[in-house]
Amino acid sequence: MADQILSLNRTDALVGSSFSFSERVAYLKKYGIHSQSFSTLQPEMEYFDLPGVGYIGYMRKWGMTFVLSDPVASPDQFEGILEQFHLRHPNACYIQVSRPVVDYLHRRFGLYGTQFGSESRIRLANWSLSGKKKQVLRTAINQAEKNGITVKERFSDDHTREISEAWIRTRKCKNNEIRFLIRPMQMDYRENERHFYAYQDGKAVGFIYFDPIYQNNRIISYVPNISRANANFRQGIFYTLMAHAMAVFKEEGVPYLDLGLIPLSLDPATEHQESRLLKQILHGLYNHGNFLYNFRGLEFTKSRFRGDVFKTYCCHRRSIPALEFLAMFKLTRLL
């Protein structure tokens, strides 16, 4: 480890230099295995670039730094790039990061690593709609079919803004689209996005945008980062779109489908590196904070797909990062 840090210190003069956009995309395609790696290319993101290694994407709010996802780098280079980054941003918070990132930041810098939510991944080779626990999906799909809903893949702006604005007016947070944790609908970089639309009587009534997840220049999964539906279709559209897209991806030989973040879906047990007080607060927010965001509804919806669930974390310096979380909620536009 000491040799690795020494080697990285020799390249410290290069850290301030920025990758070109094509260079950053090349790192994404090689190492973008995290469900939010693609989202690190969203507008207003800042970058910490380490030539020959990769980059870390982050945003600032109220003078605070918030990192999104694991570094876009080889996992065996995580410690080196995190070392360099944290020395420059010692008060940074790390949002939606994996256990290896937590373990290193806790061991090296004493940061807390508290579970922030869960993620879910589905092996498409084994995926089907059969089984008692997927009855909700089958019922929704049958209802959509009875209502004349059909699904097509199209890369177009087919009533997208109209549907989105109507959908946002039905949400807990009505003023703006959420950003950072969910990348905005309009991205300058859109390579390998997949768009699936639901139609009724020839008019689009819902859609899902899927973002690619990469490993070694190959797409190994997709994640549904943007989904909207006409307010008149409160049931069925999401499940129908998802089932259609998953069948397409399975036929193409894509190994996985990731469902992305399930915020505040937490294990009741507290791990040694977690802030016990923060964990209790997050449990309380899940139980009583649905006026901010439909935490429980989202967990129920994603749980219907019966994927393999794993934890995702936030890393923070103080046991109760109250101001940091307030700033993050403002950053994401939840407040």
C-alpha atoms as a PDB file:
ATOM      1  CA  MET A   1       0.000   0.000   0.000  1.00  0.00           C
ATOM      2  CA  ALA A   2       2.833   2.435   0.867  1.00  0.00           C
ATOM      3  CA  ASP A   3       4.429   1.804  -2.547  1.00  0.00           C
ATOM      4  CA  GLN A   4       1.098   2.429  -4.238  1.00  0.00           C
ATOM      5  CA  ILE A   5       0.619   5.751  -2.431  1.00  0.00           C
ATOM      6  CA  LEU A   6       4.214   6.798  -3.165  1.00  0.00           C
ATOM      7  CA  SER A   7       3.680   6.021  -6.842  1.00  0.00           C
ATOM      8  CA  LEU A   8       0.504   8.064  -6.866  1.00  0.00           C
ATOM      9  CA  ASN A   9       2.200  10.955  -5.083  1.00  0.00           C
ATOM     10  CA  ARG A  10       4.709  11.113  -7.943  1.00  0.00           C
ATOM     11  CA  THR A  11       1.810  11.754 -10.307  1.00  0.00           C
ATOM     12  CA  ASP A  12       0.228  14.318  -7.967  1.00  0.00           C
ATOM     13  CA  ALA A  13       1.140  17.150 -10.309  1.00  0.00           C
ATOM     14  CA  LEU A  14      -1.058  15.536 -12.944  1.00  0.00           C
ATOM     15  CA  VAL A  15      -4.104  15.191 -10.718  1.00  0.00           C
ATOM     16  CA  GLY A  16      -5.188  18.764 -11.305  1.00  0.00           C
ATOM     17  CA  SER A  17      -5.318  18.212 -15.050  1.00  0.00           C
ATOM     18  CA  SER A  18      -8.695  17.294 -16.496  1.00  0.00           C
ATOM     19  CA  PHE A  19      -9.468  14.386 -18.757  1.00  0.00           C
ATOM     20  CA  SER A  20     -10.956  15.191 -22.115  1.00  0.00           C
ATOM     21  CA  PHE A  21     -14.560  14.079 -22.445  1.00  0.00           C
ATOM     22  CA  SER A  22     -13.590  11.147 -24.657  1.00  0.00           C
ATOM     23  CA  GLU A  23     -10.987  10.043 -22.098  1.00  0.00           C
ATOM     24  CA  ARG A  24     -13.573  10.117 -19.326  1.00  0.00           C
ATOM     25  CA  VAL A  25     -15.998   8.076 -21.443  1.00  0.00           C
ATOM     26  CA  ALA A  26     -13.217   5.552 -22.063  1.00  0.00           C
ATOM     27  CA  TYR A  27     -12.771   5.102 -18.289  1.00  0.00           C
ATOM     28  CA  LEU A  28     -16.544   4.778 -17.909  1.00  0.00           C
ATOM     29  CA  LYS A  29     -16.708   1.997 -20.493  1.00  0.00           C
ATOM     30  CA  LYS A  30     -13.845   0.113 -18.902  1.00  0.00           C
ATOM     31  CA  TYR A  31     -14.666   0.555 -15.210  1.00  0.00           C
ATOM     32  CA  GLY A  32     -18.258   1.835 -14.985  1.00  0.00           C
ATOM     33  CA  ILE A  33     -19.607  -1.181 -13.126  1.00  0.00           C
ATOM     34  CA  HIS A  34     -21.473   0.791 -10.439  1.00  0.00           C
ATOM     35  CA  SER A  35     -25.176   1.409 -11.058  1.00  0.00           C
ATOM     36  CA  GLN A  36     -24.543   5.170 -10.938  1.00  0.00           C
ATOM     37  CA  SER A  37     -21.307   5.311 -12.941  1.00  0.00           C
ATOM     38  CA  PHE A  38     -23.198   6.588 -15.999  1.00  0.00           C
ATOM     39  CA  SER A  39     -24.800   9.266 -13.802  1.00  0.00           C
ATOM     40  CA  THR A  40     -21.379  10.700 -12.995  1.00  0.00           C
ATOM     41  CA  LEU A  41     -21.554  12.303 -16.465  1.00  0.00           C
ATOM     42  CA  GLN A  42     -24.660  14.336 -15.597  1.00  0.00           C
ATOM     43  CA  PRO A  43     -24.558  18.146 -15.955  1.00  0.00           C
ATOM     44  CA  GLU A  44     -22.857  20.237 -13.227  1.00  0.00           C
ATOM     45  CA  MET A  45     -20.730  17.331 -12.006  1.00  0.00           C
ATOM     46  CA  GLU A  46     -17.109  18.090 -11.077  1.00  0.00           C
ATOM     47  CA  TYR A  47     -14.259  15.611 -11.392  1.00  0.00           C
ATOM     48  CA  PHE A  48     -11.128  14.453  -9.694  1.00  0.00           C
ATOM     49  CA  ASP A  49      -9.056  12.840 -12.450  1.00  0.00           C
ATOM     50  CA  LEU A  50      -6.069  10.575 -11.931  1.00  0.00           C
ATOM     51  CA  PRO A  51      -4.319   9.721 -15.220  1.00  0.00           C
ATOM     52  CA  GLY A  52      -3.891   6.019 -15.809  1.00  0.00           C
ATOM     53  CA  VAL A  53      -6.327   5.212 -12.987  1.00  0.00           C
ATOM     54  CA  GLY A  54      -9.772   6.830 -13.396  1.00  0.00           C
ATOM     55  CA  TYR A  55     -11.930   9.547 -11.902  1.00  0.00           C
ATOM     56  CA  ILE A  56     -14.279  10.457  -9.060  1.00  0.00           C
ATOM     57  CA  GLY A  57     -17.436  12.472  -9.786  1.00  0.00           C
ATOM     58  CA  TYR A  58     -18.779  14.919  -7.209  1.00  0.00           C
ATOM     59  CA  MET A  59     -20.942  17.998  -6.683  1.00  0.00           C
ATOM     60  CA  ARG A  60     -20.754  20.848  -4.191  1.00  0.00           C
ATOM     61  CA  LYS A  61     -23.429  22.549  -2.114  1.00  0.00           C
ATOM     62  CA  TRP A  62     -22.949  25.201   0.568  1.00  0.00           C
ATOM     63  CA  GLY A  63     -19.208  24.650   0.392  1.00  0.00           C
ATOM     64  CA  MET A  64     -19.567  20.897   1.005  1.00  0.00           C
ATOM     65  CA  THR A  65     -18.444  18.128  -1.312  1.00  0.00           C
ATOM     66  CA  PHE A  66     -20.627  15.131  -2.183  1.00  0.00           C
ATOM     67  CA  VAL A  67     -19.190  12.175  -4.099  1.00  0.00           C
ATOM     68  CA  LEU A  68     -21.565  10.036  -6.158  1.00  0.00           C
ATOM     69  CA  SER A  69     -20.871   6.287  -6.402  1.00  0.00           C
ATOM     70  CA  ASP A  70     -17.627   4.355  -6.304  1.00  0.00           C
ATOM     71  CA  PRO A  71     -14.622   5.705  -8.201  1.00  0.00           C
ATOM     72  CA  VAL A  72     -14.771   4.977 -11.907  1.00  0.00           C
ATOM     73  CA  ALA A  73     -11.578   2.951 -11.737  1.00  0.00           C
ATOM     74  CA  SER A  74     -10.420  -0.614 -11.288  1.00  0.00           C
ATOM     75  CA  PRO A  75     -11.363  -1.870  -7.797  1.00  0.00           C
ATOM     76  CA  ASP A  76      -7.702  -2.620  -7.071  1.00  0.00           C
ATOM     77  CA  GLN A  77      -7.028   1.121  -7.574  1.00  0.00           C
ATOM     78  CA  PHE A  78      -9.786   2.336  -5.256  1.00  0.00           C
ATOM     79  CA  GLU A  79      -7.521   2.856  -2.269  1.00  0.00           C
ATOM     80  CA  GLY A  80      -5.006   4.932  -4.206  1.00  0.00           C
ATOM     81  CA  ILE A  81      -7.469   7.298  -5.851  1.00  0.00           C
ATOM     82  CA  LEU A  82      -9.526   7.644  -2.647  1.00  0.00           C
ATOM     83  CA  GLU A  83      -6.339   8.476  -0.745  1.00  0.00           C
ATOM     84  CA  GLN A  84      -5.488  11.272  -3.165  1.00  0.00           C
ATOM     85  CA  PHE A  85      -9.043  12.593  -3.308  1.00  0.00           C
ATOM     86  CA  HIS A  86      -9.658  12.581   0.443  1.00  0.00           C
ATOM     87  CA  LEU A  87      -6.414  14.397   1.172  1.00  0.00           C
ATOM     88  CA  ARG A  88      -7.707  17.217  -1.043  1.00  0.00           C
ATOM     89  CA  HIS A  89     -11.323  17.020   0.162  1.00  0.00           C
ATOM     90  CA  PRO A  90     -11.052  15.870   3.789  1.00  0.00           C
ATOM     91  CA  ASN A  91     -14.644  16.810   4.665  1.00  0.00           C
ATOM     92  CA  ALA A  92     -16.269  15.116   1.685  1.00  0.00           C
ATOM     93  CA  CYS A  93     -19.320  12.894   2.047  1.00  0.00           C
ATOM     94  CA  TYR A  94     -19.540   9.784  -0.128  1.00  0.00           C
ATOM     95  CA  ILE A  95     -23.027   8.794  -1.277  1.00  0.00           C
ATOM     96  CA  GLN A  96     -24.162   5.411  -2.598  1.00  0.00           C
ATOM     97  CA  VAL A  97     -20.805   3.664  -2.281  1.00  0.00           C
ATOM     98  CA  SER A  98     -19.977  -0.018  -1.901  1.00  0.00           C
ATOM     99  CA  ARG A  99     -18.489  -1.913   1.033  1.00  0.00           C
ATOM    100  CA  PRO A 100     -14.849  -1.823  -0.223  1.00  0.00           C
ATOM    101  CA  VAL A 101     -14.999   2.000  -0.306  1.00  0.00           C
ATOM    102  CA  VAL A 102     -16.529   2.058   3.181  1.00  0.00           C
ATOM    103  CA  ASP A 103     -13.918  -0.294   4.604  1.00  0.00           C
ATOM    104  CA  TYR A 104     -11.004   1.750   3.278  1.00  0.00           C
ATOM    105  CA  LEU A 105     -12.331   5.187   4.304  1.00  0.00           C
ATOM    106  CA  HIS A 106     -13.194   3.893   7.777  1.00  0.00           C
ATOM    107  CA  ARG A 107      -9.837   2.188   8.269  1.00  0.00           C
ATOM    108  CA  ARG A 108      -7.670   4.944   6.761  1.00  0.00           C
ATOM    109  CA  PHE A 109      -9.493   8.142   7.766  1.00  0.00           C
ATOM    110  CA  GLY A 110     -11.905   7.050  10.499  1.00  0.00           C
ATOM    111  CA  LEU A 111     -15.036   7.910   8.541  1.00  0.00           C
ATOM    112  CA  TYR A 112     -18.356   6.409   9.445  1.00  0.00           C
ATOM    113  CA  GLY A 113     -19.906   4.181   6.811  1.00  0.00           C
ATOM    114  CA  THR A 114     -23.660   4.058   7.398  1.00  0.00           C
ATOM    115  CA  GLN A 115     -26.083   2.150   5.229  1.00  0.00           C
ATOM    116  CA  PHE A 116     -27.925   4.608   2.983  1.00  0.00           C
ATOM    117  CA  GLY A 117     -30.217   2.131   1.262  1.00  0.00           C
ATOM    118  CA  SER A 118     -30.148  -1.025  -0.819  1.00  0.00           C
ATOM    119  CA  GLU A 119     -29.695  -2.001  -4.433  1.00  0.00           C
ATOM    120  CA  SER A 120     -31.026  -4.977  -6.343  1.00  0.00           C
ATOM    121  CA  ARG A 121     -29.614  -6.949  -9.262  1.00  0.00           C
ATOM    122  CA  ILE A 122     -31.409  -9.554 -11.377  1.00  0.00           C
ATOM    123  CA  ARG A 123     -29.702 -12.358 -13.318  1.00  0.00           C
ATOM    124  CA  LEU A 124     -31.539 -12.210 -16.608  1.00  0.00           C
ATOM    125  CA  ALA A 125     -30.653 -15.764 -17.637  1.00  0.00           C
ATOM    126  CA  ASN A 126     -32.809 -16.974 -14.723  1.00  0.00           C
ATOM    127  CA  TRP A 127     -35.509 -14.327 -15.060  1.00  0.00           C
ATOM    128  CA  SER A 128     -39.151 -15.182 -15.696  1.00  0.00           C
ATOM    129  CA  LEU A 129     -42.572 -13.906 -14.647  1.00  0.00           C
ATOM    130  CA  SER A 130     -43.574 -17.238 -13.136  1.00  0.00           C
ATOM    131  CA  GLY A 131     -43.929 -17.871  -9.424  1.00  0.00           C
ATOM    132  CA  LYS A 132     -46.345 -16.846  -6.692  1.00  0.00           C
ATOM    133  CA  LYS A 133     -44.236 -13.889  -5.558  1.00  0.00           C
ATOM    134  CA  LYS A 134     -44.486 -12.256  -9.004  1.00  0.00           C
ATOM    135  CA  GLN A 135     -48.271 -12.309  -9.135  1.00  0.00           C
ATOM    136  CA  VAL A 136     -48.359  -8.513  -8.721  1.00  0.00           C
ATOM    137  CA  LEU A 137     -46.293  -8.128 -11.900  1.00  0.00           C
ATOM    138  CA  ARG A 138     -48.469 -10.515 -13.899  1.00  0.00           C
ATOM    139  CA  THR A 139     -51.674  -8.823 -12.723  1.00  0.00           C
ATOM    140  CA  ALA A 140     -50.369  -5.377 -13.687  1.00  0.00           C
ATOM    141  CA  ILE A 141     -49.211  -6.597 -17.100  1.00  0.00           C
ATOM    142  CA  ASN A 142     -52.586  -8.252 -17.759  1.00  0.00           C
ATOM    143  CA  GLN A 143     -54.409  -5.058 -16.778  1.00  0.00           C
ATOM    144  CA  ALA A 144     -52.224  -3.009 -19.102  1.00  0.00           C
ATOM    145  CA  GLU A 145     -52.902  -5.429 -21.942  1.00  0.00           C
ATOM    146  CA  LYS A 146     -56.651  -5.183 -21.353  1.00  0.00           C
ATOM    147  CA  ASN A 147     -56.329  -1.389 -21.558  1.00  0.00           C
ATOM    148  CA  GLY A 148     -54.640  -1.685 -24.951  1.00  0.00           C
ATOM    149  CA  ILE A 149     -51.143  -0.803 -23.763  1.00  0.00           C
ATOM    150  CA  THR A 150     -48.292  -1.776 -26.084  1.00  0.00           C
ATOM    151  CA  VAL A 151     -44.540  -1.242 -25.627  1.00  0.00           C
ATOM    152  CA  LYS A 152     -41.944  -0.221 -28.204  1.00  0.00           C
ATOM    153  CA  GLU A 153     -38.291   0.715 -27.993  1.00  0.00           C
ATOM    154  CA  ARG A 154     -37.707   4.131 -29.543  1.00  0.00           C
ATOM    155  CA  PHE A 155     -34.966   6.708 -29.216  1.00  0.00           C
ATOM    156  CA  SER A 156     -37.165   9.764 -29.619  1.00  0.00           C
ATOM    157  CA  ASP A 157     -38.839  12.553 -27.720  1.00  0.00           C
ATOM    158  CA  ASP A 158     -42.351  11.136 -27.929  1.00  0.00           C
ATOM    159  CA  HIS A 159     -44.456  13.338 -25.619  1.00  0.00           C
ATOM    160  CA  THR A 160     -41.614  12.895 -23.121  1.00  0.00           C
ATOM    161  CA  ARG A 161     -41.714  16.368 -21.586  1.00  0.00           C
ATOM    162  CA  GLU A 162     -45.518  16.418 -21.450  1.00  0.00           C
ATOM    163  CA  ILE A 163     -45.635  13.067 -19.642  1.00  0.00           C
ATOM    164  CA  SER A 164     -42.784  14.037 -17.330  1.00  0.00           C
ATOM    165  CA  GLU A 165     -44.285  17.348 -16.242  1.00  0.00           C
ATOM    166  CA  ALA A 166     -47.673  15.746 -15.566  1.00  0.00           C
ATOM    167  CA  TRP A 167     -45.977  12.960 -13.602  1.00  0.00           C
ATOM    168  CA  ILE A 168     -43.917  15.382 -11.496  1.00  0.00           C
ATOM    169  CA  ARG A 169     -47.100  17.195 -10.452  1.00  0.00           C
ATOM    170  CA  THR A 170     -48.283  13.942  -8.824  1.00  0.00           C
ATOM    171  CA  ARG A 171     -45.073  13.460  -6.806  1.00  0.00           C
ATOM    172  CA  LYS A 172     -44.215  14.424  -3.232  1.00  0.00           C
ATOM    173  CA  CYS A 173     -41.553  16.772  -4.608  1.00  0.00           C
ATOM    174  CA  LYS A 174     -43.421  18.791  -7.231  1.00  0.00           C
ATOM    175  CA  ASN A 175     -41.096  21.677  -8.041  1.00  0.00           C
ATOM    176  CA  ASN A 176     -38.162  20.078  -9.837  1.00  0.00           C
ATOM    177  CA  GLU A 177     -36.723  16.855 -11.111  1.00  0.00           C
ATOM    178  CA  ILE A 178     -34.419  15.209  -8.602  1.00  0.00           C
ATOM    179  CA  ARG A 179     -30.752  15.325  -9.598  1.00  0.00           C
ATOM    180  CA  PHE A 180     -27.447  13.886  -8.359  1.00  0.00           C
ATOM    181  CA  LEU A 181     -28.879  10.655  -6.903  1.00  0.00           C
ATOM    182  CA  ILE A 182     -31.052  10.374 -10.017  1.00  0.00           C
ATOM    183  CA  ARG A 183     -29.491  11.861 -13.107  1.00  0.00           C
ATOM    184  CA  PRO A 184     -31.643  14.409 -14.955  1.00  0.00           C
ATOM    185  CA  MET A 185     -33.698  13.341 -17.948  1.00  0.00           C
ATOM    186  CA  GLN A 186     -31.765  15.608 -20.310  1.00  0.00           C
ATOM    187  CA  MET A 187     -28.127  14.555 -20.608  1.00  0.00           C
ATOM    188  CA  ASP A 188     -25.569  15.833 -23.103  1.00  0.00           C
ATOM    189  CA  TYR A 189     -24.045  12.339 -23.185  1.00  0.00           C
ATOM    190  CA  ARG A 190     -26.576   9.671 -24.176  1.00  0.00           C
ATOM    191  CA  GLU A 191     -24.577   6.898 -25.839  1.00  0.00           C
ATOM    192  CA  ASN A 192     -26.109   3.447 -25.326  1.00  0.00           C
ATOM    193  CA  GLU A 193     -29.158   4.747 -23.478  1.00  0.00           C
ATOM    194  CA  ARG A 194     -32.202   2.581 -24.152  1.00  0.00           C
ATOM    195  CA  HIS A 195     -35.694   4.121 -24.254  1.00  0.00           C
ATOM    196  CA  PHE A 196     -38.883   2.073 -23.973  1.00  0.00           C
ATOM    197  CA  TYR A 197     -42.305   3.715 -24.432  1.00  0.00           C
ATOM    198  CA  ALA A 198     -45.781   2.488 -23.536  1.00  0.00           C
ATOM    199  CA  TYR A 199     -48.569   3.460 -25.958  1.00  0.00           C
ATOM    200  CA  GLN A 200     -52.345   3.565 -25.815  1.00  0.00           C
ATOM    201  CA  ASP A 201     -54.296   4.366 -28.974  1.00  0.00           C
ATOM    202  CA  GLY A 202     -51.056   5.406 -30.643  1.00  0.00           C
ATOM    203  CA  LYS A 203     -50.091   7.952 -27.983  1.00  0.00           C
ATOM    204  CA  ALA A 204     -47.195   7.551 -25.544  1.00  0.00           C
ATOM    205  CA  VAL A 205     -48.445   7.291 -21.954  1.00  0.00           C
ATOM    206  CA  GLY A 206     -45.240   6.281 -20.166  1.00  0.00           C
ATOM    207  CA  PHE A 207     -41.567   5.558 -20.642  1.00  0.00           C
ATOM    208  CA  ILE A 208     -38.380   4.289 -19.009  1.00  0.00           C
ATOM    209  CA  TYR A 209     -34.837   5.363 -19.849  1.00  0.00           C
ATOM    210  CA  PHE A 210     -32.239   2.672 -19.148  1.00  0.00           C
ATOM    211  CA  ASP A 211     -28.580   3.559 -18.641  1.00  0.00           C
ATOM    212  CA  PRO A 212     -25.756   1.125 -19.477  1.00  0.00           C
ATOM    213  CA  ILE A 213     -23.469  -0.443 -16.891  1.00  0.00           C
ATOM    214  CA  TYR A 214     -20.044  -1.366 -18.239  1.00  0.00           C
ATOM    215  CA  GLN A 215     -17.183  -3.716 -17.516  1.00  0.00           C
ATOM    216  CA  ASN A 216     -14.129  -4.057 -19.750  1.00  0.00           C
ATOM    217  CA  ASN A 217     -15.805  -2.176 -22.628  1.00  0.00           C
ATOM    218  CA  ARG A 218     -18.853  -4.434 -22.572  1.00  0.00           C
ATOM    219  CA  ILE A 219     -22.380  -3.652 -21.409  1.00  0.00           C
ATOM    220  CA  ILE A 220     -23.096  -6.103 -18.592  1.00  0.00           C
ATOM    221  CA  SER A 221     -26.318  -4.562 -17.309  1.00  0.00           C
ATOM    222  CA  TYR A 222     -28.821  -1.740 -17.605  1.00  0.00           C
ATOM    223  CA  VAL A 223     -30.411   0.343 -14.847  1.00  0.00           C
ATOM    224  CA  PRO A 224     -33.785   2.161 -15.140  1.00  0.00           C
ATOM    225  CA  ASN A 225     -32.782   5.660 -14.073  1.00  0.00           C
ATOM    226  CA  ILE A 226     -35.697   7.662 -15.502  1.00  0.00           C
ATOM    227  CA  SER A 227     -39.295   6.440 -15.461  1.00  0.00           C
ATOM    228  CA  ARG A 228     -42.503   8.388 -15.991  1.00  0.00           C
ATOM    229  CA  ALA A 229     -46.144   7.512 -16.597  1.00  0.00           C
ATOM    230  CA  ASN A 230     -49.352   9.342 -17.365  1.00  0.00           C
ATOM    231  CA  ALA A 231     -51.090  10.106 -14.067  1.00  0.00           C
ATOM    232  CA  ASN A 232     -54.172   8.220 -15.287  1.00  0.00           C
ATOM    233  CA  PHE A 233     -52.211   4.957 -15.192  1.00  0.00           C
ATOM    234  CA  ARG A 234     -51.150   4.559 -11.580  1.00  0.00           C
ATOM    235  CA  GLN A 235     -50.744   0.791 -11.870  1.00  0.00           C
ATOM    236  CA  GLY A 236     -49.220  -1.421 -14.477  1.00  0.00           C
ATOM    237  CA  ILE A 237     -47.210   0.861 -16.741  1.00  0.00           C
ATOM    238  CA  PHE A 238     -43.870   0.557 -14.908  1.00  0.00           C
ATOM    239  CA  TYR A 239     -44.143  -3.203 -14.507  1.00  0.00           C
ATOM    240  CA  THR A 240     -45.191  -3.618 -18.135  1.00  0.00           C
ATOM    241  CA  LEU A 241     -42.338  -1.500 -19.456  1.00  0.00           C
ATOM    242  CA  MET A 242     -39.830  -3.272 -17.226  1.00  0.00           C
ATOM    243  CA  ALA A 243     -40.965  -6.767 -18.190  1.00  0.00           C
ATOM    244  CA  HIS A 244     -40.770  -5.918 -21.912  1.00  0.00           C
ATOM    245  CA  ALA A 245     -37.311  -4.356 -21.620  1.00  0.00           C
ATOM    246  CA  MET A 246     -35.994  -7.245 -19.530  1.00  0.00           C
ATOM    247  CA  ALA A 247     -37.169  -9.739 -22.149  1.00  0.00           C
ATOM    248  CA  VAL A 248     -35.334  -7.730 -24.824  1.00  0.00           C
ATOM    249  CA  PHE A 249     -32.125  -7.513 -22.798  1.00  0.00           C
ATOM    250  CA  LYS A 250     -32.288 -11.222 -21.958  1.00  0.00           C
ATOM    251  CA  GLU A 251     -32.674 -12.089 -25.641  1.00  0.00           C
ATOM    252  CA  GLU A 252     -29.621  -9.924 -26.419  1.00  0.00           C
ATOM    253  CA  GLY A 253     -27.542 -11.855 -23.886  1.00  0.00           C
ATOM    254  CA  VAL A 254     -27.119  -9.022 -21.373  1.00  0.00           C
ATOM    255  CA  PRO A 255     -26.217 -10.759 -18.089  1.00  0.00           C
ATOM    256  CA  TYR A 256     -27.949  -8.519 -15.548  1.00  0.00           C
ATOM    257  CA  LEU A 257     -30.577  -5.889 -14.905  1.00  0.00           C
ATOM    258  CA  ASP A 258     -29.906  -3.514 -11.992  1.00  0.00           C
ATOM    259  CA  LEU A 259     -32.779  -1.760 -10.258  1.00  0.00           C
ATOM    260  CA  GLY A 260     -30.657   1.033  -8.772  1.00  0.00           C
ATOM    261  CA  LEU A 261     -31.009   2.693  -5.403  1.00  0.00           C
ATOM    262  CA  ILE A 262     -33.784   1.771  -2.980  1.00  0.00           C
ATOM    263  CA  PRO A 263     -33.284   4.693  -0.569  1.00  0.00           C
ATOM    264  CA  LEU A 264     -33.611   4.019   3.171  1.00  0.00           C
ATOM    265  CA  SER A 265     -34.259   0.310   2.662  1.00  0.00           C
ATOM    266  CA  LEU A 266     -32.087  -0.639   5.632  1.00  0.00           C
ATOM    267  CA  ASP A 267     -30.934  -3.685   7.555  1.00  0.00           C
ATOM    268  CA  PRO A 268     -32.134  -3.238  11.165  1.00  0.00           C
ATOM    269  CA  ALA A 269     -28.779  -4.458  12.527  1.00  0.00           C
ATOM    270  CA  THR A 270     -26.031  -1.860  13.028  1.00  0.00           C
ATOM    271  CA  GLU A 271     -22.540  -2.622  11.732  1.00  0.00           C
ATOM    272  CA  HIS A 272     -19.418  -1.605  13.643  1.00  0.00           C
ATOM    273  CA  GLN A 273     -18.496   1.283  11.306  1.00  0.00           C
ATOM    274  CA  GLU A 274     -22.018   2.715  11.176  1.00  0.00           C
ATOM    275  CA  SER A 275     -23.279   5.708  13.122  1.00  0.00           C
ATOM    276  CA  ARG A 276     -25.907   4.219  15.403  1.00  0.00           C
ATOM    277  CA  LEU A 277     -27.659   7.575  15.836  1.00  0.00           C
ATOM    278  CA  LEU A 278     -27.763   8.273  12.097  1.00  0.00           C
ATOM    279  CA  LYS A 279     -29.071   4.781  11.416  1.00  0.00           C
ATOM    280  CA  GLN A 280     -31.920   5.417  13.863  1.00  0.00           C
ATOM    281  CA  ILE A 281     -32.711   8.738  12.189  1.00  0.00           C
ATOM    282  CA  LEU A 282     -32.768   7.103   8.742  1.00  0.00           C
ATOM    283  CA  HIS A 283     -35.121   4.406  10.032  1.00  0.00           C
ATOM    284  CA  GLY A 284     -37.366   7.178  11.340  1.00  0.00           C
ATOM    285  CA  LEU A 285     -37.226   9.030   8.026  1.00  0.00           C
ATOM    286  CA  TYR A 286     -38.257   5.873   6.199  1.00  0.00           C
ATOM    287  CA  ASN A 287     -41.217   5.398   8.546  1.00  0.00           C
ATOM    288  CA  HIS A 288     -42.358   9.014   8.754  1.00  0.00           C
ATOM    289  CA  GLY A 289     -40.793  10.871   5.816  1.00  0.00           C
ATOM    290  CA  ASN A 290     -43.066   9.830   2.978  1.00  0.00           C
ATOM    291  CA  PHE A 291     -44.148  13.470   2.663  1.00  0.00           C
ATOM    292  CA  LEU A 292     -40.650  14.057   1.230  1.00  0.00           C
ATOM    293  CA  TYR A 293     -40.399  10.977  -0.965  1.00  0.00           C
ATOM    294  CA  ASN A 294     -42.307   7.730  -1.425  1.00  0.00           C
ATOM    295  CA  PHE A 295     -39.645   5.547   0.170  1.00  0.00           C
ATOM    296  CA  ARG A 296     -41.918   2.654   1.063  1.00  0.00           C
ATOM    297  CA  GLY A 297     -43.719   2.647  -2.269  1.00  0.00           C
ATOM    298  CA  LEU A 298     -40.438   2.494  -4.185  1.00  0.00           C
ATOM    299  CA  GLU A 299     -39.160  -0.361  -2.021  1.00  0.00           C
ATOM    300  CA  PHE A 300     -42.382  -2.325  -2.591  1.00  0.00           C
ATOM    301  CA  THR A 301     -42.258  -1.761  -6.357  1.00  0.00           C
ATOM    302  CA  LYS A 302     -38.646  -2.892  -6.754  1.00  0.00           C
ATOM    303  CA  SER A 303     -39.044  -5.820  -4.369  1.00  0.00           C
ATOM    304  CA  ARG A 304     -41.629  -7.372  -6.732  1.00  0.00           C
ATOM    305  CA  PHE A 305     -38.816  -8.295  -9.148  1.00  0.00           C
ATOM    306  CA  ARG A 306     -37.159 -10.574  -6.565  1.00  0.00           C
ATOM    307  CA  GLY A 307     -33.582  -9.543  -7.340  1.00  0.00           C
ATOM    308  CA  ASP A 308     -30.452 -10.163  -5.284  1.00  0.00           C
ATOM    309  CA  VAL A 309     -30.363  -7.320  -2.732  1.00  0.00           C
ATOM    310  CA  PHE A 310     -27.163  -5.766  -1.355  1.00  0.00           C
ATOM    311  CA  LYS A 311     -26.371  -2.764   0.807  1.00  0.00           C
ATOM    312  CA  THR A 312     -25.171   0.636  -0.303  1.00  0.00           C
ATOM    313  CA  TYR A 313     -23.642   3.206   2.056  1.00  0.00           C
ATOM    314  CA  CYS A 314     -22.816   6.830   2.749  1.00  0.00           C
ATOM    315  CA  CYS A 315     -19.488   7.794   4.340  1.00  0.00           C
ATOM    316  CA  HIS A 316     -19.327  10.830   6.627  1.00  0.00           C
ATOM    317  CA  ARG A 317     -17.011  12.374   9.206  1.00  0.00           C
ATOM    318  CA  ARG A 318     -19.490  13.331  11.932  1.00  0.00           C
ATOM    319  CA  SER A 319     -21.773  10.823  13.633  1.00  0.00           C
ATOM    320  CA  ILE A 320     -24.777  13.074  12.943  1.00  0.00           C
ATOM    321  CA  PRO A 321     -24.069  14.869   9.652  1.00  0.00           C
ATOM    322  CA  ALA A 322     -27.184  17.037   9.961  1.00  0.00           C
ATOM    323  CA  LEU A 323     -25.956  20.019   7.958  1.00  0.00           C
ATOM    324  CA  GLU A 324     -24.419  17.718   5.340  1.00  0.00           C
ATOM    325  CA  PHE A 325     -27.700  15.862   4.829  1.00  0.00           C
ATOM    326  CA  LEU A 326     -29.642  19.119   4.645  1.00  0.00           C
ATOM    327  CA  ALA A 327     -27.220  20.335   1.992  1.00  0.00           C
ATOM    328  CA  MET A 328     -27.554  17.036   0.114  1.00  0.00           C
ATOM    329  CA  PHE A 329     -31.353  17.252   0.144  1.00  0.00           C
ATOM    330  CA  LYS A 330     -31.073  20.752  -1.286  1.00  0.00           C
ATOM    331  CA  LEU A 331     -28.550  19.533  -3.842  1.00  0.00           C
ATOM    332  CA  THR A 332     -30.860  16.749  -4.969  1.00  0.00           C
ATOM    333  CA  ARG A 333     -33.860  19.163  -4.925  1.00  0.00           C
ATOM    334  CA  LEU A 334     -35.794  17.050  -2.456  1.00  0.00           C
ATOM    335  CA  LEU A 335     -36.125  20.269  -0.412  1.00  0.00           C
END
